[in-house]
Structures are given as C-alpha cells and as structure tokens.
Amino acid sequence: MLPADFPYFFCGLPFRAHQVGRKLRWLLGRGDIRQLIPGVYVDSRVPDSLDRRAEALSLVVPAGAVIHGDAAAWLHGIDTTALGPEPTIQPRWTYEDRPTVEVRGLLVTSPAATAIELAQRLPRPFALSSLDALLHTQAVTRSELQAAAPSYFAPDGASQAALLLRLADGRAASPGESWLRLRLFDASFPRPELQVPVDRYRLDLGYPNNPVDGRRLGLEYDSDAWHSTNRQQIRDATRRTSLERIGWHIIPIRRPDLWGSYPALELAVGAFLCQHPRLPRRW
C-alpha cells in the first residue's frame, strides 16, 4: 500500500494524456496535475527536477534521437521563463550528427551547441536570457562558448548570435535582469555592472563608476513572484530609501515596463545619465 500522501497519478511519474481519458480537463482545472510538455503531465505535488523532465521527454522522443533546442536547454537545467513566453516546452529532436552529451539516459546536444542554437533561433530577449541562464547555472562556460562559436558564425561578426554572445553574462540571476540589460544595450547606454554590492545590499544592475551630481544609478527588476505583496513592497520601499540616503537613485522595473510599448524605461535612464536614448525601441 502506498502512503496516503504519496502522489497518486502513476506514483508521481509523468504520464500521457490518454492514460487519464476524459478526466484530463477536470484534473487540470482542479490543479491536481500540470503539463510538462505537450501531451505529458504529472501530479502537481511532484517538484520539478531533471529526473522528471527526462522522464517526460522519454515518453515522446524516439530512441536514438538527439534532443536539441528548447528541450535540450530545459534538460540542462534552464527554467522555461528564460526560453520563451509559453510555459510549456516543445520537444525537438533530430537524427543529424551534432555534439552531444548524455543526460539521464537521453542524448542531448551539448550545452555549448544548445546555447549557440538558441542564440541563433530565439527572439533576441529570450536568446539572451537563455545564454545568461546557461552561464549562470554553469552548464556551460564562456570559454566553451567561445571555442564552439567559430563552427557556427564569426565571433566578431554582426549576427544576432555573435552580438548576444559578447553581451551574455552569467551574473544575471533572472531572465528579467537579462531583458533589462538588453533594453539598456539597445538604447546605447553604457554597459552596466551586474550584482553591484552597495553597503549591505546588492543591486541587479547599476552604474557605480558613473556618478551624476554625486549620485549613482541602480536598476532593479521586481518580479511578480517576489515583489507583489504588501509586505514585499514595504520591504522594497525601505531598502530603496536606505539606498537613496547613501547616494543611489534606484529605478524599479516591473514586467510591463519591459514588455510594454512606451519607452518609459529608456527615458528615465536617459534623464538621469543626461543621455538621449536610441529610439524607437527594438522589441
């Protein structure tokens, strides 16, 4: 007998949609299960892990095929937020000869090959956040990317992948920080520092060496997950008041500021740095 609190859908293992028949929508609506990849689900109480991801892909990827693209990055440990606007991974596989590694018994393109493919194929914001995430999790190193790049493009060229490879930085701790940095780059602002230590705090992005009238500029990406409750917002306000007292001007950025149509971010940064941003926005 399984204990009462043991995951009850196939002992917590991923399963195909046809295995629960007409109950699928009902279980999804109740929040009892969640979708891992199209057509494959798992008990919602089972935590995300590389084992679960590999088990899900093994249900749809043919034997001997090489997993690549978003699914490969997912298996290398990247969160879906960095890969695109949709939370569900689309499995991609090929029988072509590619640099591969084995992950949980599956053939997967190597982290370096995966990173370069995503840099070439994904929309620019997600291409950069994917590169940053692979570097941040140490799935790949910058030297490995630089060594692999000449097989795909001229590293000093002007292609999207070449430009983003030079901009990628593993110190970015979230996709939002990557997208914010890309907006600053596109607007022709100076390249900011990442994870800037200030007193007992750490800023997502900042310009510690570019004071304006004795004050320095910091930017922080406030995700909905960690900056939405009253308690979190009070904590943020207290923190920023403290930073203002020691000479830092902080611009908080929310998701609508990054993805909205009005260039309020560029105008606010340009006003502080006394620099006209390059407009219109590129994304």
C-alpha atoms as a PDB file:
ATOM      1  CA  MET A   1       0.000   0.000   0.000  1.00  0.00           C
ATOM      2  CA  LEU A   2       1.212   3.495  -0.811  1.00  0.00           C
ATOM      3  CA  PRO A   3       1.023   6.109   1.966  1.00  0.00           C
ATOM      4  CA  ALA A   4      -1.992   8.410   1.756  1.00  0.00           C
ATOM      5  CA  ASP A   5       0.107  11.450   0.867  1.00  0.00           C
ATOM      6  CA  PHE A   6       2.047   9.693  -1.916  1.00  0.00           C
ATOM      7  CA  PRO A   7       1.469  11.259  -5.367  1.00  0.00           C
ATOM      8  CA  TYR A   8      -1.432   9.326  -6.805  1.00  0.00           C
ATOM      9  CA  PHE A   9      -1.021   9.715 -10.573  1.00  0.00           C
ATOM     10  CA  PHE A  10       1.151   6.803 -11.652  1.00  0.00           C
ATOM     11  CA  CYS A  11       3.166   7.103  -8.440  1.00  0.00           C
ATOM     12  CA  GLY A  12       4.127  10.656  -9.320  1.00  0.00           C
ATOM     13  CA  LEU A  13       5.703   9.744 -12.677  1.00  0.00           C
ATOM     14  CA  PRO A  14       4.916  11.652 -15.888  1.00  0.00           C
ATOM     15  CA  PHE A  15       2.067  10.148 -17.888  1.00  0.00           C
ATOM     16  CA  ARG A  16       0.441  10.630 -21.290  1.00  0.00           C
ATOM     17  CA  ALA A  17      -2.905  12.359 -21.752  1.00  0.00           C
ATOM     18  CA  HIS A  18      -4.704   9.220 -22.949  1.00  0.00           C
ATOM     19  CA  GLN A  19      -3.899   7.490 -19.657  1.00  0.00           C
ATOM     20  CA  VAL A  20      -6.491   9.552 -17.788  1.00  0.00           C
ATOM     21  CA  GLY A  21      -9.051   9.816 -20.565  1.00  0.00           C
ATOM     22  CA  ARG A  22     -11.914  12.264 -20.129  1.00  0.00           C
ATOM     23  CA  LYS A  23     -10.745  13.199 -16.642  1.00  0.00           C
ATOM     24  CA  LEU A  24      -7.826  15.201 -18.045  1.00  0.00           C
ATOM     25  CA  ARG A  25      -9.543  18.620 -18.177  1.00  0.00           C
ATOM     26  CA  TRP A  26     -11.161  18.047 -14.809  1.00  0.00           C
ATOM     27  CA  LEU A  27      -7.808  17.216 -13.197  1.00  0.00           C
ATOM     28  CA  LEU A  28      -6.146  20.234 -14.851  1.00  0.00           C
ATOM     29  CA  GLY A  29      -8.991  22.512 -13.752  1.00  0.00           C
ATOM     30  CA  ARG A  30      -8.660  21.319 -10.162  1.00  0.00           C
ATOM     31  CA  GLY A  31      -4.921  21.894 -10.272  1.00  0.00           C
ATOM     32  CA  ASP A  32      -4.254  18.232  -9.482  1.00  0.00           C
ATOM     33  CA  ILE A  33      -1.908  17.818 -12.456  1.00  0.00           C
ATOM     34  CA  ARG A  34       0.314  20.080 -14.536  1.00  0.00           C
ATOM     35  CA  GLN A  35       1.595  19.815 -18.087  1.00  0.00           C
ATOM     36  CA  LEU A  36       5.325  19.264 -18.551  1.00  0.00           C
ATOM     37  CA  ILE A  37       5.431  19.056 -22.342  1.00  0.00           C
ATOM     38  CA  PRO A  38       2.542  18.808 -24.835  1.00  0.00           C
ATOM     39  CA  GLY A  39       0.568  15.675 -24.044  1.00  0.00           C
ATOM     40  CA  VAL A  40       2.591  14.743 -20.945  1.00  0.00           C
ATOM     41  CA  TYR A  41       1.506  15.537 -17.384  1.00  0.00           C
ATOM     42  CA  VAL A  42       2.494  14.943 -13.776  1.00  0.00           C
ATOM     43  CA  ASP A  43       0.978  15.207 -10.321  1.00  0.00           C
ATOM     44  CA  SER A  44       1.151  18.883  -9.262  1.00  0.00           C
ATOM     45  CA  ARG A  45       2.610  17.891  -5.910  1.00  0.00           C
ATOM     46  CA  VAL A  46       5.706  16.400  -7.534  1.00  0.00           C
ATOM     47  CA  PRO A  47       8.500  19.003  -7.545  1.00  0.00           C
ATOM     48  CA  ASP A  48      10.281  19.951 -10.738  1.00  0.00           C
ATOM     49  CA  SER A  49      13.568  18.110 -11.276  1.00  0.00           C
ATOM     50  CA  LEU A  50      15.855  16.973 -14.076  1.00  0.00           C
ATOM     51  CA  ASP A  51      14.647  13.417 -13.494  1.00  0.00           C
ATOM     52  CA  ARG A  52      11.010  14.413 -14.106  1.00  0.00           C
ATOM     53  CA  ARG A  53      11.975  16.407 -17.193  1.00  0.00           C
ATOM     54  CA  ALA A  54      13.940  13.483 -18.614  1.00  0.00           C
ATOM     55  CA  GLU A  55      11.135  11.025 -17.870  1.00  0.00           C
ATOM     56  CA  ALA A  56       8.641  13.283 -19.639  1.00  0.00           C
ATOM     57  CA  LEU A  57      10.798  13.617 -22.749  1.00  0.00           C
ATOM     58  CA  SER A  58      11.493   9.880 -22.832  1.00  0.00           C
ATOM     59  CA  LEU A  59       7.759   9.334 -23.408  1.00  0.00           C
ATOM     60  CA  VAL A  60       7.779  11.237 -26.712  1.00  0.00           C
ATOM     61  CA  VAL A  61      11.352  11.302 -28.066  1.00  0.00           C
ATOM     62  CA  PRO A  62      12.231   8.285 -30.292  1.00  0.00           C
ATOM     63  CA  ALA A  63      15.103   6.054 -29.244  1.00  0.00           C
ATOM     64  CA  GLY A  64      18.416   7.176 -30.694  1.00  0.00           C
ATOM     65  CA  ALA A  65      17.232  10.709 -31.471  1.00  0.00           C
ATOM     66  CA  VAL A  66      19.182  13.741 -30.262  1.00  0.00           C
ATOM     67  CA  ILE A  67      17.189  16.287 -28.275  1.00  0.00           C
ATOM     68  CA  HIS A  68      18.019  19.895 -29.154  1.00  0.00           C
ATOM     69  CA  GLY A  69      16.696  23.443 -28.877  1.00  0.00           C
ATOM     70  CA  ASP A  70      14.430  24.466 -26.011  1.00  0.00           C
ATOM     71  CA  ALA A  71      14.059  20.912 -24.740  1.00  0.00           C
ATOM     72  CA  ALA A  72      17.837  20.464 -24.579  1.00  0.00           C
ATOM     73  CA  ALA A  73      18.219  23.692 -22.596  1.00  0.00           C
ATOM     74  CA  TRP A  74      15.413  22.522 -20.305  1.00  0.00           C
ATOM     75  CA  LEU A  75      17.307  19.289 -19.664  1.00  0.00           C
ATOM     76  CA  HIS A  76      20.450  21.295 -18.959  1.00  0.00           C
ATOM     77  CA  GLY A  77      18.570  22.943 -16.094  1.00  0.00           C
ATOM     78  CA  ILE A  78      17.133  26.184 -17.515  1.00  0.00           C
ATOM     79  CA  ASP A  79      13.745  27.404 -16.311  1.00  0.00           C
ATOM     80  CA  THR A  80      11.089  27.797 -19.011  1.00  0.00           C
ATOM     81  CA  THR A  81      10.766  31.555 -18.334  1.00  0.00           C
ATOM     82  CA  ALA A  82      14.178  32.127 -19.919  1.00  0.00           C
ATOM     83  CA  LEU A  83      13.215  30.265 -23.093  1.00  0.00           C
ATOM     84  CA  GLY A  84      10.017  31.961 -24.216  1.00  0.00           C
ATOM     85  CA  PRO A  85       6.627  33.392 -23.276  1.00  0.00           C
ATOM     86  CA  GLU A  86       4.915  29.989 -23.120  1.00  0.00           C
ATOM     87  CA  PRO A  87       5.421  27.826 -20.017  1.00  0.00           C
ATOM     88  CA  THR A  88       5.330  24.554 -21.980  1.00  0.00           C
ATOM     89  CA  ILE A  89       8.429  23.164 -23.679  1.00  0.00           C
ATOM     90  CA  GLN A  90       8.102  21.970 -27.272  1.00  0.00           C
ATOM     91  CA  PRO A  91      10.203  18.794 -27.706  1.00  0.00           C
ATOM     92  CA  ARG A  92      12.650  18.969 -30.611  1.00  0.00           C
ATOM     93  CA  TRP A  93      14.831  16.111 -31.779  1.00  0.00           C
ATOM     94  CA  THR A  94      16.982  15.162 -34.751  1.00  0.00           C
ATOM     95  CA  TYR A  95      18.998  12.271 -36.134  1.00  0.00           C
ATOM     96  CA  GLU A  96      21.671  14.620 -37.509  1.00  0.00           C
ATOM     97  CA  ASP A  97      25.235  14.368 -36.252  1.00  0.00           C
ATOM     98  CA  ARG A  98      25.657  17.014 -33.547  1.00  0.00           C
ATOM     99  CA  PRO A  99      27.850  17.489 -30.463  1.00  0.00           C
ATOM    100  CA  THR A 100      26.006  15.512 -27.808  1.00  0.00           C
ATOM    101  CA  VAL A 101      26.114  14.566 -24.144  1.00  0.00           C
ATOM    102  CA  GLU A 102      24.006  12.086 -22.203  1.00  0.00           C
ATOM    103  CA  VAL A 103      21.551  13.466 -19.663  1.00  0.00           C
ATOM    104  CA  ARG A 104      19.551  10.983 -17.583  1.00  0.00           C
ATOM    105  CA  GLY A 105      19.952   8.366 -20.306  1.00  0.00           C
ATOM    106  CA  LEU A 106      18.897  10.690 -23.165  1.00  0.00           C
ATOM    107  CA  LEU A 107      21.077  12.016 -25.996  1.00  0.00           C
ATOM    108  CA  VAL A 108      21.110  15.821 -25.837  1.00  0.00           C
ATOM    109  CA  THR A 109      23.054  18.474 -27.729  1.00  0.00           C
ATOM    110  CA  SER A 110      25.971  19.703 -25.635  1.00  0.00           C
ATOM    111  CA  PRO A 111      25.416  22.830 -23.521  1.00  0.00           C
ATOM    112  CA  ALA A 112      27.612  24.900 -25.849  1.00  0.00           C
ATOM    113  CA  ALA A 113      25.831  23.681 -29.003  1.00  0.00           C
ATOM    114  CA  THR A 114      22.461  24.224 -27.319  1.00  0.00           C
ATOM    115  CA  ALA A 115      23.369  27.773 -26.294  1.00  0.00           C
ATOM    116  CA  ILE A 116      24.514  28.718 -29.784  1.00  0.00           C
ATOM    117  CA  GLU A 117      21.429  27.220 -31.416  1.00  0.00           C
ATOM    118  CA  LEU A 118      19.160  29.210 -29.095  1.00  0.00           C
ATOM    119  CA  ALA A 119      21.186  32.385 -29.682  1.00  0.00           C
ATOM    120  CA  GLN A 120      20.624  31.965 -33.416  1.00  0.00           C
ATOM    121  CA  ARG A 121      16.964  30.931 -33.341  1.00  0.00           C
ATOM    122  CA  LEU A 122      15.093  32.517 -30.430  1.00  0.00           C
ATOM    123  CA  PRO A 123      13.800  36.110 -30.372  1.00  0.00           C
ATOM    124  CA  ARG A 124      16.540  38.387 -29.036  1.00  0.00           C
ATOM    125  CA  PRO A 125      15.276  38.826 -25.439  1.00  0.00           C
ATOM    126  CA  PHE A 126      14.864  35.089 -24.904  1.00  0.00           C
ATOM    127  CA  ALA A 127      18.079  34.284 -26.755  1.00  0.00           C
ATOM    128  CA  LEU A 128      19.995  36.452 -24.280  1.00  0.00           C
ATOM    129  CA  SER A 129      18.165  35.171 -21.200  1.00  0.00           C
ATOM    130  CA  SER A 130      18.889  31.585 -22.338  1.00  0.00           C
ATOM    131  CA  LEU A 131      22.604  32.324 -22.764  1.00  0.00           C
ATOM    132  CA  ASP A 132      22.731  34.056 -19.391  1.00  0.00           C
ATOM    133  CA  ALA A 133      20.883  31.188 -17.703  1.00  0.00           C
ATOM    134  CA  LEU A 134      23.210  28.526 -19.132  1.00  0.00           C
ATOM    135  CA  LEU A 135      26.213  30.530 -17.929  1.00  0.00           C
ATOM    136  CA  HIS A 136      24.592  31.266 -14.555  1.00  0.00           C
ATOM    137  CA  THR A 137      23.864  27.590 -13.838  1.00  0.00           C
ATOM    138  CA  GLN A 138      27.410  26.739 -15.021  1.00  0.00           C
ATOM    139  CA  ALA A 139      26.018  24.290 -17.545  1.00  0.00           C
ATOM    140  CA  VAL A 140      28.492  25.923 -19.940  1.00  0.00           C
ATOM    141  CA  THR A 141      31.432  28.307 -19.536  1.00  0.00           C
ATOM    142  CA  ARG A 142      32.269  31.374 -21.586  1.00  0.00           C
ATOM    143  CA  SER A 143      35.455  29.734 -22.828  1.00  0.00           C
ATOM    144  CA  GLU A 144      33.432  26.732 -24.064  1.00  0.00           C
ATOM    145  CA  LEU A 145      31.060  29.054 -25.924  1.00  0.00           C
ATOM    146  CA  GLN A 146      33.939  30.960 -27.472  1.00  0.00           C
ATOM    147  CA  ALA A 147      35.604  27.708 -28.544  1.00  0.00           C
ATOM    148  CA  ALA A 148      32.402  26.395 -30.144  1.00  0.00           C
ATOM    149  CA  ALA A 149      31.295  29.624 -31.837  1.00  0.00           C
ATOM    150  CA  PRO A 150      33.627  29.566 -34.906  1.00  0.00           C
ATOM    151  CA  SER A 151      31.892  26.402 -36.129  1.00  0.00           C
ATOM    152  CA  TYR A 152      28.626  28.346 -36.407  1.00  0.00           C
ATOM    153  CA  PHE A 153      29.459  32.014 -37.094  1.00  0.00           C
ATOM    154  CA  ALA A 154      32.233  34.588 -36.998  1.00  0.00           C
ATOM    155  CA  PRO A 155      32.531  35.502 -33.283  1.00  0.00           C
ATOM    156  CA  ASP A 156      33.420  39.099 -34.192  1.00  0.00           C
ATOM    157  CA  GLY A 157      30.565  39.378 -36.688  1.00  0.00           C
ATOM    158  CA  ALA A 158      27.314  41.314 -36.549  1.00  0.00           C
ATOM    159  CA  SER A 159      24.878  38.398 -36.474  1.00  0.00           C
ATOM    160  CA  GLN A 160      22.377  38.165 -33.637  1.00  0.00           C
ATOM    161  CA  ALA A 161      24.185  35.194 -32.097  1.00  0.00           C
ATOM    162  CA  ALA A 162      27.617  36.861 -32.276  1.00  0.00           C
ATOM    163  CA  LEU A 163      26.352  40.084 -30.687  1.00  0.00           C
ATOM    164  CA  LEU A 164      24.479  38.304 -27.911  1.00  0.00           C
ATOM    165  CA  LEU A 165      27.397  36.007 -27.185  1.00  0.00           C
ATOM    166  CA  ARG A 166      29.509  39.092 -26.463  1.00  0.00           C
ATOM    167  CA  LEU A 167      26.748  40.535 -24.283  1.00  0.00           C
ATOM    168  CA  ALA A 168      25.934  37.334 -22.338  1.00  0.00           C
ATOM    169  CA  ASP A 169      26.806  37.356 -18.645  1.00  0.00           C
ATOM    170  CA  GLY A 170      26.322  34.566 -16.138  1.00  0.00           C
ATOM    171  CA  ARG A 171      25.946  37.019 -13.263  1.00  0.00           C
ATOM    172  CA  ALA A 172      22.360  37.732 -14.388  1.00  0.00           C
ATOM    173  CA  ALA A 173      20.245  35.993 -11.753  1.00  0.00           C
ATOM    174  CA  SER A 174      16.911  36.021 -13.601  1.00  0.00           C
ATOM    175  CA  PRO A 175      15.500  36.373 -17.134  1.00  0.00           C
ATOM    176  CA  GLY A 176      14.111  39.786 -16.179  1.00  0.00           C
ATOM    177  CA  GLU A 177      17.619  41.064 -15.484  1.00  0.00           C
ATOM    178  CA  SER A 178      18.747  39.794 -18.896  1.00  0.00           C
ATOM    179  CA  TRP A 179      15.855  41.514 -20.678  1.00  0.00           C
ATOM    180  CA  LEU A 180      16.519  44.743 -18.775  1.00  0.00           C
ATOM    181  CA  ARG A 181      20.191  44.695 -19.772  1.00  0.00           C
ATOM    182  CA  LEU A 182      19.241  44.172 -23.421  1.00  0.00           C
ATOM    183  CA  ARG A 183      16.961  47.208 -23.312  1.00  0.00           C
ATOM    184  CA  LEU A 184      19.851  49.313 -21.992  1.00  0.00           C
ATOM    185  CA  PHE A 185      22.173  47.952 -24.670  1.00  0.00           C
ATOM    186  CA  ASP A 186      19.672  48.650 -27.461  1.00  0.00           C
ATOM    187  CA  ALA A 187      19.232  52.224 -26.213  1.00  0.00           C
ATOM    188  CA  SER A 188      23.037  52.765 -26.469  1.00  0.00           C
ATOM    189  CA  PHE A 189      23.520  53.362 -22.759  1.00  0.00           C
ATOM    190  CA  PRO A 190      26.846  52.417 -21.135  1.00  0.00           C
ATOM    191  CA  ARG A 191      27.176  48.768 -20.226  1.00  0.00           C
ATOM    192  CA  PRO A 192      26.023  48.401 -16.605  1.00  0.00           C
ATOM    193  CA  GLU A 193      27.657  46.386 -13.868  1.00  0.00           C
ATOM    194  CA  LEU A 194      25.743  43.337 -12.605  1.00  0.00           C
ATOM    195  CA  GLN A 195      25.097  42.314  -8.994  1.00  0.00           C
ATOM    196  CA  VAL A 196      26.530  45.564  -7.648  1.00  0.00           C
ATOM    197  CA  PRO A 197      27.347  45.398  -3.903  1.00  0.00           C
ATOM    198  CA  VAL A 198      26.210  48.538  -2.068  1.00  0.00           C
ATOM    199  CA  ASP A 199      26.511  48.615   1.712  1.00  0.00           C
ATOM    200  CA  ARG A 200      24.509  45.551   2.886  1.00  0.00           C
ATOM    201  CA  TYR A 201      22.540  45.340  -0.361  1.00  0.00           C
ATOM    202  CA  ARG A 202      23.136  44.010  -3.858  1.00  0.00           C
ATOM    203  CA  LEU A 203      21.658  45.746  -6.921  1.00  0.00           C
ATOM    204  CA  ASP A 204      20.642  43.841 -10.055  1.00  0.00           C
ATOM    205  CA  LEU A 205      22.237  46.420 -12.367  1.00  0.00           C
ATOM    206  CA  GLY A 206      23.992  49.697 -11.748  1.00  0.00           C
ATOM    207  CA  TYR A 207      26.476  52.342 -12.773  1.00  0.00           C
ATOM    208  CA  PRO A 208      28.793  52.629  -9.747  1.00  0.00           C
ATOM    209  CA  ASN A 209      31.510  54.404 -11.739  1.00  0.00           C
ATOM    210  CA  ASN A 210      29.258  56.968 -13.450  1.00  0.00           C
ATOM    211  CA  PRO A 211      28.066  59.377 -10.744  1.00  0.00           C
ATOM    212  CA  VAL A 212      25.856  62.292 -11.783  1.00  0.00           C
ATOM    213  CA  ASP A 213      25.892  65.192  -9.316  1.00  0.00           C
ATOM    214  CA  GLY A 214      27.258  62.853  -6.670  1.00  0.00           C
ATOM    215  CA  ARG A 215      24.563  60.205  -7.143  1.00  0.00           C
ATOM    216  CA  ARG A 216      24.764  56.824  -8.824  1.00  0.00           C
ATOM    217  CA  LEU A 217      22.099  54.956 -10.770  1.00  0.00           C
ATOM    218  CA  GLY A 218      20.828  51.497  -9.914  1.00  0.00           C
ATOM    219  CA  LEU A 219      18.133  49.434 -11.613  1.00  0.00           C
ATOM    220  CA  GLU A 220      16.259  46.510 -10.107  1.00  0.00           C
ATOM    221  CA  TYR A 221      13.883  44.077 -11.769  1.00  0.00           C
ATOM    222  CA  ASP A 222      10.908  43.425  -9.462  1.00  0.00           C
ATOM    223  CA  SER A 223       9.277  40.157 -10.482  1.00  0.00           C
ATOM    224  CA  ASP A 224       5.645  39.490  -9.649  1.00  0.00           C
ATOM    225  CA  ALA A 225       6.656  36.422  -7.643  1.00  0.00           C
ATOM    226  CA  TRP A 226       8.848  38.290  -5.148  1.00  0.00           C
ATOM    227  CA  HIS A 227       7.636  41.895  -5.175  1.00  0.00           C
ATOM    228  CA  SER A 228       3.833  41.879  -5.174  1.00  0.00           C
ATOM    229  CA  THR A 229       2.561  41.516  -1.596  1.00  0.00           C
ATOM    230  CA  ASN A 230       2.201  44.466   0.774  1.00  0.00           C
ATOM    231  CA  ARG A 231       4.990  43.109   2.948  1.00  0.00           C
ATOM    232  CA  GLN A 232       7.339  42.738  -0.030  1.00  0.00           C
ATOM    233  CA  GLN A 233       6.550  46.241  -1.302  1.00  0.00           C
ATOM    234  CA  ILE A 234       7.155  47.770   2.146  1.00  0.00           C
ATOM    235  CA  ARG A 235      10.481  45.939   2.295  1.00  0.00           C
ATOM    236  CA  ASP A 236      11.408  47.266  -1.167  1.00  0.00           C
ATOM    237  CA  ALA A 237      10.473  50.843  -0.222  1.00  0.00           C
ATOM    238  CA  THR A 238      12.557  50.654   2.963  1.00  0.00           C
ATOM    239  CA  ARG A 239      15.522  49.271   1.061  1.00  0.00           C
ATOM    240  CA  ARG A 240      15.357  51.993  -1.593  1.00  0.00           C
ATOM    241  CA  THR A 241      15.036  54.751   0.969  1.00  0.00           C
ATOM    242  CA  SER A 242      18.227  53.468   2.581  1.00  0.00           C
ATOM    243  CA  LEU A 243      19.980  53.406  -0.785  1.00  0.00           C
ATOM    244  CA  GLU A 244      18.832  56.961  -1.566  1.00  0.00           C
ATOM    245  CA  ARG A 245      20.423  58.136   1.695  1.00  0.00           C
ATOM    246  CA  ILE A 246      23.823  56.834   0.624  1.00  0.00           C
ATOM    247  CA  GLY A 247      23.737  58.394  -2.822  1.00  0.00           C
ATOM    248  CA  TRP A 248      21.937  55.906  -5.068  1.00  0.00           C
ATOM    249  CA  HIS A 249      18.963  56.636  -7.288  1.00  0.00           C
ATOM    250  CA  ILE A 250      17.039  53.411  -7.846  1.00  0.00           C
ATOM    251  CA  ILE A 251      14.688  52.787 -10.788  1.00  0.00           C
ATOM    252  CA  PRO A 252      12.433  49.768 -10.086  1.00  0.00           C
ATOM    253  CA  ILE A 253      11.357  47.849 -13.193  1.00  0.00           C
ATOM    254  CA  ARG A 254       8.293  45.583 -13.452  1.00  0.00           C
ATOM    255  CA  ARG A 255       7.423  43.190 -16.256  1.00  0.00           C
ATOM    256  CA  PRO A 256       5.018  45.654 -18.011  1.00  0.00           C
ATOM    257  CA  ASP A 257       7.862  48.204 -18.096  1.00  0.00           C
ATOM    258  CA  LEU A 258       9.983  45.735 -20.067  1.00  0.00           C
ATOM    259  CA  TRP A 259       7.323  44.461 -22.450  1.00  0.00           C
ATOM    260  CA  GLY A 260       5.054  47.490 -22.793  1.00  0.00           C
ATOM    261  CA  SER A 261       5.058  49.702 -25.878  1.00  0.00           C
ATOM    262  CA  TYR A 262       6.081  53.024 -24.276  1.00  0.00           C
ATOM    263  CA  PRO A 263       9.831  53.669 -23.774  1.00  0.00           C
ATOM    264  CA  ALA A 264       9.458  54.954 -20.197  1.00  0.00           C
ATOM    265  CA  LEU A 265      12.482  52.924 -19.090  1.00  0.00           C
ATOM    266  CA  GLU A 266      14.812  54.441 -21.682  1.00  0.00           C
ATOM    267  CA  LEU A 267      13.552  57.950 -20.974  1.00  0.00           C
ATOM    268  CA  ALA A 268      14.027  57.578 -17.208  1.00  0.00           C
ATOM    269  CA  VAL A 269      17.556  56.200 -17.542  1.00  0.00           C
ATOM    270  CA  GLY A 270      18.455  58.792 -20.175  1.00  0.00           C
ATOM    271  CA  ALA A 271      17.162  61.624 -17.982  1.00  0.00           C
ATOM    272  CA  PHE A 272      19.414  60.550 -15.112  1.00  0.00           C
ATOM    273  CA  LEU A 273      22.501  59.873 -17.237  1.00  0.00           C
ATOM    274  CA  CYS A 274      21.922  63.047 -19.301  1.00  0.00           C
ATOM    275  CA  GLN A 275      21.974  60.973 -22.471  1.00  0.00           C
ATOM    276  CA  HIS A 276      19.462  60.680 -25.289  1.00  0.00           C
ATOM    277  CA  PRO A 277      18.472  57.021 -25.731  1.00  0.00           C
ATOM    278  CA  ARG A 278      18.444  55.438 -29.161  1.00  0.00           C
ATOM    279  CA  LEU A 279      14.806  55.102 -30.132  1.00  0.00           C
ATOM    280  CA  PRO A 280      12.471  53.635 -31.240  1.00  0.00           C
ATOM    281  CA  ARG A 281      12.681  50.525 -29.154  1.00  0.00           C
ATOM    282  CA  ARG A 282      13.793  47.381 -30.956  1.00  0.00           C
ATOM    283  CA  TRP A 283      11.427  44.992 -29.135  1.00  0.00           C
END
